[in-house]
Amino acid sequence: MEARSRFIGFPREVVLVLASVLLVLAAMAGGYAIRLATAPSSTPATVVISGAASSPAQPDAPCIWTGSHKAC
């Protein structure tokens, strides 16, 4: 009787493992692409506090800049 190798299914197992790895990598790449597509494209918020540029209604209120928007 001929002894059978325990690696008799080796080619099929390799194909399944490679397909699984490629599927996981494709899912990760898709998730990363969605993350990049939906991420805000503005720069991080810059906060500048200046008492001299406050509104007349609140003379001591500091102004805060967030991107290109000013709030006093």
Protein backbone atom coordinates (compact mmCIF):
# COMPACT_ATOMS: atom_id res chain seq x y z
CA MET A 1 0.00 0.00 0.00
CA GLU A 2 1.30 3.41 -0.94
CA ALA A 3 1.63 5.94 1.86
CA ARG A 4 -0.28 9.13 1.23
CA SER A 5 1.32 12.43 2.04
CA ARG A 6 -0.49 14.69 4.47
CA PHE A 7 0.13 17.52 1.99
CA ILE A 8 -2.08 15.93 -0.65
CA GLY A 9 -4.44 18.91 -0.55
CA PHE A 10 -1.61 21.43 -0.59
CA PRO A 11 -2.43 23.15 -3.91
CA ARG A 12 -6.10 23.60 -3.00
CA GLU A 13 -5.21 24.92 0.47
CA VAL A 14 -2.73 27.39 -1.00
CA VAL A 15 -5.32 28.72 -3.42
CA LEU A 16 -7.87 29.13 -0.61
CA VAL A 17 -5.38 30.88 1.65
CA LEU A 18 -4.27 33.24 -1.12
CA ALA A 19 -7.88 34.01 -2.03
CA SER A 20 -8.67 34.74 1.63
CA VAL A 21 -5.66 37.02 2.00
CA LEU A 22 -6.53 38.89 -1.20
CA LEU A 23 -10.13 39.29 -0.04
CA VAL A 24 -9.01 40.73 3.29
CA LEU A 25 -6.55 43.10 1.59
CA ALA A 26 -9.23 44.24 -0.86
CA ALA A 27 -11.64 44.93 2.02
CA MET A 28 -8.97 46.91 3.88
CA ALA A 29 -8.12 48.92 0.77
CA GLY A 30 -11.80 49.64 0.17
CA GLY A 31 -12.27 50.81 3.75
CA TYR A 32 -9.22 53.04 3.49
CA ALA A 33 -10.46 54.51 0.20
CA ILE A 34 -13.85 55.27 1.76
CA ARG A 35 -12.12 56.86 4.74
CA LEU A 36 -10.04 59.09 2.48
CA ALA A 37 -13.04 60.02 0.34
CA THR A 38 -15.20 61.01 3.31
CA ALA A 39 -12.54 62.74 5.42
CA PRO A 40 -12.83 66.50 5.76
CA SER A 41 -10.36 68.25 3.51
CA SER A 42 -9.89 71.31 5.70
CA THR A 43 -6.78 71.99 7.71
CA PRO A 44 -6.75 71.47 11.46
CA ALA A 45 -8.43 74.17 13.53
CA THR A 46 -6.30 77.15 14.47
CA VAL A 47 -7.32 79.00 17.60
CA VAL A 48 -6.21 82.62 17.94
CA ILE A 49 -7.29 84.55 21.02
CA SER A 50 -7.14 88.30 20.67
CA GLY A 51 -8.83 90.71 23.07
CA ALA A 52 -8.22 93.73 20.80
CA ALA A 53 -10.39 92.39 17.97
CA SER A 54 -13.49 91.67 20.06
CA SER A 55 -16.98 92.83 19.18
CA PRO A 56 -18.38 96.07 20.66
CA ALA A 57 -21.18 94.18 22.49
CA GLN A 58 -18.62 92.23 24.50
CA PRO A 59 -15.46 94.31 24.82
CA ASP A 60 -13.53 91.73 26.85
CA ALA A 61 -14.59 88.62 24.89
CA PRO A 62 -11.76 86.90 23.00
CA CYS A 63 -12.15 86.00 19.32
CA ILE A 64 -11.62 82.43 18.17
CA TRP A 65 -10.58 81.50 14.62
CA THR A 66 -11.53 78.07 13.33
CA GLY A 67 -10.13 77.66 9.86
CA SER A 68 -11.37 80.78 8.04
CA HIS A 69 -14.29 81.46 10.41
CA LYS A 70 -14.11 84.02 13.22
CA ALA A 71 -16.26 83.93 16.35
CA CYS A 72 -16.09 86.60 19.05
